[in-house]
Amino acid sequence: MASTYLERTSWGTPTNTYKATFSAWIKRGTLSSNNERILCARASSANTGEIALQTSNELRIYQYVGAEQINVKTNRIFRDTSAWYHIVVAFDTTQGTSTDRIKVYVNGVQETSFANTTYPSQNQTLAINNSLNPTRIGTSSTSSDTFFTGSMSHFHFIDGTAYDASAFGETDTTTGEWKGKTSPSVTYGTNGFFILKDGNGITDQSSNSNNFTLGGGTLTDLKDNPDNVFCTMNPLDNFFTGSTFTNGNNTIATGSNTASYNTGTLGVNTGKFYWEVKVSSLPSNVSLIGIASKLTTSTGTTLGTNANDYAIYSYNGNKIYGGNSASYGNSFTLNDVIGVALDCTNNKLYFSKNGTWQNSGVPTSGSTGTGAISIASPSTTPTGFYFPSVGDWSMSSSLGFQVNFGNGFFGTTAITTNSGNGYSGAEGSSKFNYTVPTGYSALSTKGLNE
């Protein structure tokens, strides 16, 4: 998350200053105009080693100690904000061949195409494994231009051994997808550590007790993980809207000079799904919450303008569809939570306000559609899918939305309903503020397969 970082300032004598391995799963947040540091060991600007994502979205491994010693940058760009990437960087400067001194793996495959190839000299000491260099995860310093804005999971650092990606992941024999090993069989060395494992936070899960501290910001334990990828709002669909995305792309501030909408990263055309939207800023009562069948095409295309878009309007609770407006439910305002139940099996859409289904809706009524808004079959829409959407009706307001697709947070505030347990969708791995209708899942990869 932006402004959140971890740090450890005191280390022992390294097992080996020439060999090390970094392995972590990352999910990007916003595609920043700044360089985002994933791991950084830095004593000063003249003594630093780091693994970072560049403003142009390539991965760079860099070391500067008096002069530039390492600058290896991929041609591959990392700009899919809906996906988790498994990145492994293996260092072994004792190798005779320069290209063997740093090896980069992405989702189990070794990278072979690079934009920069300044490899370390043979037997070069690594700044990233130097006991004199304080180590930070998520930034190089506290300045805002270095923060990593996404999510991380299963973060390993190995002191003294260069491992390839197979030490930390493997191919699923059923799906053919790359997946992580929850407890890899590796030797961590003196300064090695394993953090951000399954909600265990910043306590080292190796035998070293190399725990980190929270240096700044808020550390949130999301349900989103490499084995179950949750929908977020999509910062790549932002050309016309100019919205600002934070908190893992689950919080949106709309542009102040547009009347348009943003969409989610996952679209659906079958099944039943539930999510929640909290109105967090409402300078004028003109917010729209609903679904869209395609991406926005102009700064003035409000949600519900297109033929296969459906929304409810905060000002009067009306339903908006295909440019039409009709009575539906109650108005809503700041801090109200709107539940959305999308039934693509029966082509019905329901909205709740603070747990009460509007228009006496019954999301479990199936084809009867009691109190539902009838929607067109996804197969007849421009894309063949419906996407979660939020937007505004004003060219002069900036509205705020906090979307919970099942991660269990509105912004950085954890859901505490039901004695802190929340309510889960049918897939069993989500967390919502209000009771989920029976048979409805979170918009996540597990939910899609429910």
Protein backbone atom coordinates (compact mmCIF):
# COMPACT_ATOMS: atom_id res chain seq x y z
CA MET A 1 0.00 0.00 0.00
CA ALA A 2 1.19 3.53 -0.66
CA SER A 3 3.13 5.02 2.28
CA THR A 4 3.43 1.59 3.93
CA TYR A 5 6.84 0.06 4.36
CA LEU A 6 8.68 -2.46 6.53
CA GLU A 7 12.20 -2.14 7.88
CA ARG A 8 14.97 -3.89 9.76
CA THR A 9 18.07 -1.95 10.74
CA SER A 10 20.20 -4.50 12.57
CA TRP A 11 21.71 -7.57 10.93
CA GLY A 12 24.31 -10.19 11.75
CA THR A 13 27.39 -11.01 9.70
CA PRO A 14 26.17 -12.41 6.37
CA THR A 15 26.66 -16.09 5.61
CA ASN A 16 27.94 -15.12 2.17
CA THR A 17 28.22 -11.65 0.66
CA TYR A 18 28.35 -12.98 -2.93
CA LYS A 19 25.26 -15.22 -3.02
CA ALA A 20 21.63 -14.43 -2.21
CA THR A 21 18.08 -15.03 -3.46
CA PHE A 22 14.98 -12.85 -3.40
CA SER A 23 11.53 -14.40 -3.92
CA ALA A 24 8.15 -12.72 -3.52
CA TRP A 25 4.66 -12.57 -4.98
CA ILE A 26 3.55 -9.06 -5.85
CA LYS A 27 0.35 -7.51 -7.17
CA ARG A 28 0.63 -4.03 -8.59
CA GLY A 29 -1.49 -1.15 -7.38
CA THR A 30 -1.40 2.05 -9.38
CA LEU A 31 1.03 2.33 -12.29
CA SER A 32 2.98 5.18 -10.76
CA SER A 33 5.05 7.90 -12.37
CA ASN A 34 7.62 7.07 -9.69
CA ASN A 35 10.08 4.22 -9.26
CA GLU A 36 8.58 1.76 -6.78
CA ARG A 37 11.03 -0.09 -4.54
CA ILE A 38 10.23 -3.68 -3.60
CA LEU A 39 13.39 -4.40 -1.59
CA CYS A 40 16.13 -1.91 -0.76
CA ALA A 41 19.29 -2.10 1.35
CA ARG A 42 20.56 1.45 1.69
CA ALA A 43 23.14 3.10 3.88
CA SER A 44 23.19 6.25 1.74
CA SER A 45 22.59 7.33 -1.85
CA ALA A 46 26.19 6.31 -2.52
CA ASN A 47 25.72 2.85 -1.00
CA THR A 48 22.53 1.13 -2.04
CA GLY A 49 21.21 -2.07 -3.57
CA GLU A 50 17.61 -2.56 -4.65
CA ILE A 51 14.98 -4.44 -6.61
CA ALA A 52 12.43 -2.02 -8.01
CA LEU A 53 9.77 -1.38 -10.62
CA GLN A 54 10.58 1.52 -12.91
CA THR A 55 8.28 4.32 -14.05
CA SER A 56 8.17 2.49 -17.40
CA ASN A 57 7.06 -0.67 -15.51
CA GLU A 58 10.19 -2.79 -16.06
CA LEU A 59 11.85 -4.65 -13.19
CA ARG A 60 15.33 -3.38 -12.32
CA ILE A 61 18.06 -4.85 -10.11
CA TYR A 62 20.45 -2.07 -9.18
CA GLN A 63 23.53 -1.49 -7.04
CA TYR A 64 25.54 1.68 -6.54
CA VAL A 65 28.50 1.72 -4.17
CA GLY A 66 30.66 4.69 -5.09
CA ALA A 67 29.81 3.95 -8.72
CA GLU A 68 27.20 1.93 -10.57
CA GLN A 69 28.02 -1.75 -10.14
CA ILE A 70 24.74 -3.46 -11.16
CA ASN A 71 22.01 -2.30 -13.52
CA VAL A 72 19.97 -5.17 -14.92
CA LYS A 73 16.55 -4.22 -16.28
CA THR A 74 13.98 -6.41 -18.00
CA ASN A 75 12.36 -5.71 -21.33
CA ARG A 76 9.24 -7.29 -19.86
CA ILE A 77 6.87 -4.74 -18.37
CA PHE A 78 4.71 -5.38 -15.31
CA ARG A 79 1.45 -3.48 -15.73
CA ASP A 80 -1.31 -6.04 -15.14
CA THR A 81 -2.97 -4.74 -11.97
CA SER A 82 -5.31 -7.74 -11.80
CA ALA A 83 -2.57 -10.39 -11.54
CA TRP A 84 -0.08 -11.66 -8.99
CA TYR A 85 3.50 -12.00 -10.26
CA HIS A 86 6.02 -14.38 -8.71
CA ILE A 87 9.46 -12.79 -9.00
CA VAL A 88 12.72 -14.54 -8.11
CA VAL A 89 16.14 -12.92 -8.37
CA ALA A 90 19.17 -15.16 -7.79
CA PHE A 91 22.57 -13.54 -7.13
CA ASP A 92 25.88 -15.42 -7.43
CA THR A 93 28.78 -13.13 -8.26
CA THR A 94 31.30 -15.99 -8.00
CA GLN A 95 30.20 -17.24 -11.43
CA GLY A 96 32.70 -16.93 -14.27
CA THR A 97 30.05 -15.99 -16.84
CA SER A 98 28.63 -12.53 -16.19
CA THR A 99 25.04 -13.40 -17.20
CA ASP A 100 25.03 -16.19 -14.60
CA ARG A 101 25.70 -13.74 -11.78
CA ILE A 102 22.11 -12.48 -11.74
CA LYS A 103 19.18 -14.59 -12.89
CA VAL A 104 15.59 -13.33 -12.93
CA TYR A 105 12.51 -15.58 -12.97
CA VAL A 106 8.90 -14.51 -13.48
CA ASN A 107 6.15 -17.02 -12.75
CA GLY A 108 8.67 -19.85 -12.93
CA VAL A 109 10.28 -18.86 -16.25
CA GLN A 110 13.78 -17.40 -16.49
CA GLU A 111 13.96 -14.01 -18.17
CA THR A 112 16.27 -13.82 -21.20
CA SER A 113 15.46 -10.40 -22.66
CA PHE A 114 16.88 -7.32 -20.95
CA ALA A 115 16.94 -3.59 -21.64
CA ASN A 116 20.04 -3.08 -19.44
CA THR A 117 22.76 -5.65 -18.75
CA THR A 118 25.32 -4.17 -16.40
CA TYR A 119 26.15 -7.32 -14.46
CA PRO A 120 28.34 -7.30 -11.34
CA SER A 121 32.02 -8.01 -11.66
CA GLN A 122 33.14 -11.43 -10.51
CA ASN A 123 33.16 -11.76 -6.71
CA GLN A 124 31.43 -8.41 -6.30
CA THR A 125 30.11 -7.91 -2.76
CA LEU A 126 26.34 -7.46 -2.66
CA ALA A 127 24.95 -4.31 -1.04
CA ILE A 128 21.58 -6.05 -0.73
CA ASN A 129 23.14 -8.48 1.78
CA ASN A 130 25.39 -6.18 3.75
CA SER A 131 25.08 -6.12 7.55
CA LEU A 132 25.82 -2.37 7.55
CA ASN A 133 22.91 -1.49 5.26
CA PRO A 134 19.43 -1.07 6.81
CA THR A 135 16.84 -3.01 4.81
CA ARG A 136 13.43 -1.75 3.78
CA ILE A 137 10.58 -3.44 1.97
CA GLY A 138 8.23 -1.20 0.01
CA THR A 139 10.46 1.89 -0.18
CA SER A 140 14.06 3.07 -0.23
CA SER A 141 13.34 6.03 2.04
CA THR A 142 10.28 7.76 3.44
CA SER A 143 9.89 10.02 0.40
CA SER A 144 6.66 9.41 -1.50
CA ASP A 145 8.37 8.81 -4.84
CA THR A 146 9.70 5.39 -3.84
CA PHE A 147 6.72 3.60 -2.26
CA PHE A 148 5.38 0.34 -3.67
CA THR A 149 1.62 0.83 -4.04
CA GLY A 150 0.44 -2.77 -4.43
CA SER A 151 0.33 -5.95 -2.36
CA MET A 152 2.97 -8.52 -1.43
CA SER A 153 2.84 -12.10 -0.22
CA HIS A 154 5.30 -14.88 0.76
CA PHE A 155 8.38 -12.67 0.83
CA HIS A 156 11.67 -14.64 1.11
CA PHE A 157 15.27 -13.53 1.32
CA ILE A 158 18.06 -16.12 1.27
CA ASP A 159 21.53 -15.32 2.58
CA GLY A 160 24.26 -17.52 1.09
CA THR A 161 22.53 -19.55 -1.65
CA ALA A 162 21.36 -18.77 -5.19
CA TYR A 163 18.14 -20.70 -5.81
CA ASP A 164 16.07 -20.87 -8.97
CA ALA A 165 12.28 -20.38 -9.05
CA SER A 166 11.53 -24.08 -8.51
CA ALA A 167 12.65 -23.74 -4.89
CA PHE A 168 9.68 -21.46 -4.21
CA GLY A 169 7.02 -22.51 -6.73
CA GLU A 170 5.77 -25.26 -8.99
CA THR A 171 3.38 -25.91 -11.84
CA ASP A 172 -0.10 -27.06 -10.81
CA THR A 173 -0.63 -30.47 -12.42
CA THR A 174 -4.35 -29.81 -12.90
CA THR A 175 -4.47 -26.20 -14.12
CA GLY A 176 -0.97 -25.86 -15.57
CA GLU A 177 -0.58 -22.58 -13.66
CA TRP A 178 2.43 -21.53 -11.61
CA LYS A 179 1.75 -21.64 -7.86
CA GLY A 180 3.76 -20.97 -4.74
CA LYS A 181 5.14 -23.48 -2.27
CA THR A 182 3.81 -22.51 1.15
CA SER A 183 6.79 -23.98 3.02
CA PRO A 184 9.75 -24.23 0.65
CA SER A 185 12.71 -26.38 1.62
CA VAL A 186 15.51 -23.82 1.55
CA THR A 187 18.43 -22.77 3.75
CA TYR A 188 17.96 -19.14 4.79
CA GLY A 189 21.45 -18.37 6.11
CA THR A 190 22.19 -15.89 8.89
CA ASN A 191 20.31 -12.89 7.48
CA GLY A 192 17.59 -14.73 5.58
CA PHE A 193 13.91 -14.34 6.41
CA PHE A 194 10.39 -15.34 5.37
CA ILE A 195 7.61 -12.84 6.06
CA LEU A 196 4.10 -11.97 4.80
CA LYS A 197 3.04 -15.62 4.93
CA ASP A 198 -0.70 -16.34 5.13
CA GLY A 199 -1.55 -13.40 7.36
CA ASN A 200 1.43 -13.93 9.69
CA GLY A 201 2.58 -10.43 8.90
CA ILE A 202 6.09 -9.25 9.60
CA THR A 203 7.20 -11.99 11.99
CA ASP A 204 9.94 -14.09 10.39
CA GLN A 205 8.67 -17.58 9.61
CA SER A 206 12.15 -19.01 9.11
CA SER A 207 14.07 -20.16 12.16
CA ASN A 208 16.10 -16.94 12.28
CA SER A 209 13.69 -14.56 14.05
CA ASN A 210 14.73 -11.80 11.66
CA ASN A 211 11.49 -9.95 12.27
CA PHE A 212 10.64 -6.66 10.58
CA THR A 213 8.87 -3.63 12.01
CA LEU A 214 6.25 -1.43 10.40
CA GLY A 215 8.15 1.70 9.41
CA GLY A 216 5.13 3.66 8.26
CA GLY A 217 1.61 3.44 6.90
CA THR A 218 -0.93 0.70 7.57
CA LEU A 219 -0.36 -3.01 6.98
CA THR A 220 -3.61 -4.68 5.89
CA ASP A 221 -4.12 -8.44 5.78
CA LEU A 222 -6.21 -8.83 2.62
CA LYS A 223 -7.97 -11.97 1.45
CA ASP A 224 -6.49 -11.33 -1.99
CA ASN A 225 -3.55 -13.71 -2.54
CA PRO A 226 -1.76 -15.59 -5.34
CA ASP A 227 -4.09 -18.60 -4.92
CA ASN A 228 -7.30 -16.55 -4.89
CA VAL A 229 -7.11 -13.32 -6.86
CA PHE A 230 -9.85 -10.81 -5.98
CA CYS A 231 -11.39 -8.23 -8.24
CA THR A 232 -10.32 -4.62 -7.71
CA MET A 233 -11.23 -1.44 -9.50
CA ASN A 234 -9.21 -1.11 -12.69
CA PRO A 235 -6.71 1.80 -12.93
CA LEU A 236 -6.04 0.89 -16.58
CA ASP A 237 -9.63 1.91 -17.40
CA ASN A 238 -9.07 5.51 -16.42
CA PHE A 239 -8.32 7.46 -19.60
CA PHE A 240 -11.55 9.49 -19.60
CA THR A 241 -12.37 9.44 -15.89
CA GLY A 242 -9.07 10.61 -14.39
CA SER A 243 -9.83 8.95 -11.05
CA THR A 244 -7.32 8.42 -8.26
CA PHE A 245 -6.83 4.85 -6.98
CA THR A 246 -5.53 3.90 -3.53
CA ASN A 247 -5.65 1.02 -1.04
CA GLY A 248 -4.86 -1.68 -3.56
CA ASN A 249 -7.22 -0.06 -6.10
CA ASN A 250 -10.22 -0.63 -3.85
CA THR A 251 -10.64 3.08 -3.06
CA ILE A 252 -11.50 5.59 -5.79
CA ALA A 253 -11.73 9.36 -5.91
CA THR A 254 -13.39 10.31 -9.18
CA GLY A 255 -12.07 13.10 -11.38
CA SER A 256 -13.48 16.53 -10.58
CA ASN A 257 -14.07 17.51 -14.21
CA THR A 258 -15.67 14.33 -15.54
CA ALA A 259 -19.06 12.68 -15.29
CA SER A 260 -18.09 9.15 -16.10
CA TYR A 261 -17.39 5.78 -14.45
CA ASN A 262 -14.69 3.24 -13.61
CA THR A 263 -14.93 -0.53 -13.92
CA GLY A 264 -13.58 -3.57 -12.06
CA THR A 265 -10.83 -5.92 -13.20
CA LEU A 266 -13.07 -9.02 -13.38
CA GLY A 267 -16.10 -9.34 -15.63
CA VAL A 268 -18.70 -12.10 -15.43
CA ASN A 269 -21.24 -13.67 -17.77
CA THR A 270 -22.58 -16.50 -15.64
CA GLY A 271 -23.05 -17.22 -11.93
CA LYS A 272 -24.08 -15.15 -8.91
CA PHE A 273 -21.83 -12.55 -7.28
CA TYR A 274 -21.96 -10.05 -4.43
CA TRP A 275 -19.88 -7.02 -3.49
CA GLU A 276 -20.24 -3.87 -1.37
CA VAL A 277 -19.56 -0.17 -2.01
CA LYS A 278 -19.25 2.44 0.72
CA VAL A 279 -19.72 6.10 -0.18
CA SER A 280 -16.72 7.78 1.44
CA SER A 281 -16.93 11.28 -0.06
CA LEU A 282 -20.05 13.00 -1.37
CA PRO A 283 -19.70 16.79 -1.80
CA SER A 284 -22.77 16.67 -4.05
CA ASN A 285 -25.29 13.85 -3.99
CA VAL A 286 -24.60 12.52 -7.48
CA SER A 287 -23.01 9.08 -7.09
CA LEU A 288 -23.85 6.06 -9.24
CA ILE A 289 -23.20 2.43 -8.31
CA GLY A 290 -23.88 -0.52 -10.57
CA ILE A 291 -22.58 -2.58 -13.48
CA ALA A 292 -21.31 -1.75 -16.97
CA SER A 293 -21.08 -3.91 -20.06
CA LYS A 294 -18.15 -2.02 -21.56
CA LEU A 295 -15.48 0.52 -20.70
CA THR A 296 -16.32 4.19 -20.68
CA THR A 297 -15.81 6.09 -23.93
CA SER A 298 -15.91 9.77 -22.91
CA THR A 299 -15.66 12.16 -19.97
CA GLY A 300 -19.43 12.66 -20.11
CA THR A 301 -20.62 9.05 -20.37
CA THR A 302 -22.34 8.56 -17.01
CA LEU A 303 -23.00 5.07 -15.69
CA GLY A 304 -26.38 3.95 -17.03
CA THR A 305 -26.08 5.94 -20.25
CA ASN A 306 -25.15 2.95 -22.38
CA ALA A 307 -27.78 0.43 -23.45
CA ASN A 308 -26.50 -2.33 -21.19
CA ASP A 309 -25.41 -0.38 -18.10
CA TYR A 310 -27.43 -0.40 -14.87
CA ALA A 311 -27.02 1.70 -11.73
CA ILE A 312 -28.78 3.28 -8.78
CA TYR A 313 -28.55 7.01 -8.18
CA SER A 314 -27.74 8.38 -4.72
CA TYR A 315 -29.84 11.53 -5.13
CA ASN A 316 -33.21 9.75 -5.28
CA GLY A 317 -32.56 6.00 -5.29
CA ASN A 318 -33.76 5.68 -8.89
CA LYS A 319 -32.52 2.97 -11.19
CA ILE A 320 -30.65 4.26 -14.25
CA TYR A 321 -30.47 2.08 -17.35
CA GLY A 322 -29.87 2.78 -21.03
CA GLY A 323 -30.26 6.51 -20.41
CA ASN A 324 -33.61 5.99 -18.66
CA SER A 325 -34.56 6.63 -15.04
CA ALA A 326 -37.28 4.98 -12.97
CA SER A 327 -38.25 4.69 -9.31
CA TYR A 328 -36.50 1.85 -7.49
CA GLY A 329 -35.26 2.36 -3.91
CA ASN A 330 -34.22 4.90 -1.28
CA SER A 331 -31.66 7.64 -1.74
CA PHE A 332 -28.27 7.05 -0.14
CA THR A 333 -25.56 9.31 1.17
CA LEU A 334 -22.18 9.54 2.89
CA ASN A 335 -21.04 6.34 4.69
CA ASP A 336 -23.98 4.29 3.43
CA VAL A 337 -23.00 0.80 2.26
CA ILE A 338 -24.59 -0.39 -0.98
CA GLY A 339 -24.66 -4.14 -1.55
CA VAL A 340 -24.75 -5.37 -5.15
CA ALA A 341 -26.06 -8.85 -5.99
CA LEU A 342 -25.57 -9.76 -9.65
CA ASP A 343 -27.37 -12.90 -10.85
CA CYS A 344 -26.10 -13.69 -14.35
CA THR A 345 -27.80 -17.07 -14.25
CA ASN A 346 -31.24 -15.42 -14.32
CA ASN A 347 -30.20 -11.97 -15.62
CA LYS A 348 -31.26 -10.10 -12.48
CA LEU A 349 -29.66 -7.32 -10.45
CA TYR A 350 -30.38 -6.34 -6.83
CA PHE A 351 -29.18 -3.53 -4.57
CA SER A 352 -29.25 -3.24 -0.79
CA LYS A 353 -28.76 -0.20 1.42
CA ASN A 354 -27.08 -0.89 4.77
CA GLY A 355 -28.22 -4.49 4.63
CA THR A 356 -31.82 -3.90 3.49
CA TRP A 357 -32.67 -5.04 -0.01
CA GLN A 358 -34.27 -2.24 -1.98
CA ASN A 359 -37.61 -2.57 -3.75
CA SER A 360 -38.30 -5.57 -1.42
CA GLY A 361 -35.77 -7.51 -3.47
CA VAL A 362 -35.12 -11.20 -2.89
CA PRO A 363 -31.81 -12.13 -4.54
CA THR A 364 -32.52 -15.85 -4.00
CA SER A 365 -35.81 -15.73 -5.95
CA GLY A 366 -34.14 -17.01 -9.11
CA SER A 367 -35.98 -16.54 -12.39
CA THR A 368 -38.91 -14.95 -10.55
CA GLY A 369 -36.69 -11.97 -9.78
CA THR A 370 -38.67 -10.55 -6.87
CA GLY A 371 -37.80 -6.86 -6.60
CA ALA A 372 -35.00 -7.21 -9.14
CA ILE A 373 -33.85 -5.02 -11.99
CA SER A 374 -33.99 -7.20 -15.09
CA ILE A 375 -30.83 -6.94 -17.17
CA ALA A 376 -29.95 -8.00 -20.69
CA SER A 377 -28.27 -11.37 -21.13
CA PRO A 378 -24.49 -10.87 -21.00
CA SER A 379 -24.24 -12.59 -24.39
CA THR A 380 -26.07 -9.65 -26.00
CA THR A 381 -23.78 -6.96 -24.57
CA PRO A 382 -20.80 -5.43 -26.44
CA THR A 383 -18.21 -7.42 -24.48
CA GLY A 384 -20.26 -10.42 -23.38
CA PHE A 385 -19.57 -9.54 -19.73
CA TYR A 386 -20.72 -7.27 -16.91
CA PHE A 387 -18.17 -5.38 -14.79
CA PRO A 388 -18.66 -3.78 -11.35
CA SER A 389 -18.78 0.00 -11.80
CA VAL A 390 -18.92 3.25 -9.86
CA GLY A 391 -19.13 6.81 -11.12
CA ASP A 392 -20.68 10.24 -10.77
CA TRP A 393 -23.18 12.45 -12.53
CA SER A 394 -21.40 15.76 -12.09
CA MET A 395 -18.65 17.45 -14.07
CA SER A 396 -17.64 19.50 -11.02
CA SER A 397 -17.43 17.04 -8.12
CA SER A 398 -14.92 14.49 -6.92
CA LEU A 399 -16.68 11.58 -5.23
CA GLY A 400 -15.19 8.84 -3.07
CA PHE A 401 -15.97 5.12 -3.13
CA GLN A 402 -14.53 2.30 -1.02
CA VAL A 403 -15.24 -1.05 -2.66
CA ASN A 404 -15.14 -4.35 -0.80
CA PHE A 405 -15.00 -7.29 -3.19
CA GLY A 406 -14.56 -9.63 -0.24
CA ASN A 407 -11.18 -8.53 1.10
CA GLY A 408 -12.81 -7.48 4.36
CA PHE A 409 -11.86 -3.79 4.29
CA PHE A 410 -13.41 -0.45 3.43
CA GLY A 411 -10.29 1.56 2.71
CA THR A 412 -7.93 0.64 5.53
CA THR A 413 -10.71 -0.06 8.04
CA ALA A 414 -11.30 -3.73 8.72
CA ILE A 415 -14.87 -5.03 8.79
CA THR A 416 -15.92 -5.91 12.34
CA THR A 417 -19.53 -7.00 11.80
CA ASN A 418 -20.59 -10.23 13.53
CA SER A 419 -18.06 -9.97 16.37
CA GLY A 420 -15.22 -9.39 13.93
CA ASN A 421 -15.97 -12.39 11.74
CA GLY A 422 -17.92 -10.71 8.97
CA TYR A 423 -19.92 -12.74 6.47
CA SER A 424 -18.54 -14.94 3.72
CA GLY A 425 -19.70 -15.63 0.20
CA ALA A 426 -20.46 -19.10 -1.12
CA GLU A 427 -16.79 -19.68 -1.96
CA GLY A 428 -15.98 -19.43 1.77
CA SER A 429 -12.89 -17.23 1.55
CA SER A 430 -14.34 -13.72 1.47
CA LYS A 431 -15.42 -11.24 4.15
CA PHE A 432 -18.30 -8.79 3.85
CA ASN A 433 -20.03 -6.29 6.11
CA TYR A 434 -23.55 -7.64 5.53
CA THR A 435 -25.01 -11.10 5.07
CA VAL A 436 -24.34 -12.45 1.58
CA PRO A 437 -27.37 -13.95 -0.21
CA THR A 438 -27.25 -17.74 -0.31
CA GLY A 439 -25.47 -18.99 -3.41
CA TYR A 440 -23.65 -15.73 -4.16
CA SER A 441 -19.84 -15.65 -4.27
CA ALA A 442 -17.19 -12.98 -4.07
CA LEU A 443 -15.73 -11.75 -7.34
CA SER A 444 -12.50 -13.70 -7.10
CA THR A 445 -10.90 -16.57 -8.96
CA LYS A 446 -12.30 -19.04 -6.40
CA GLY A 447 -15.69 -17.35 -6.68
CA LEU A 448 -15.63 -17.64 -10.46
CA ASN A 449 -15.03 -21.38 -10.13
CA GLU A 450 -17.65 -21.91 -7.42
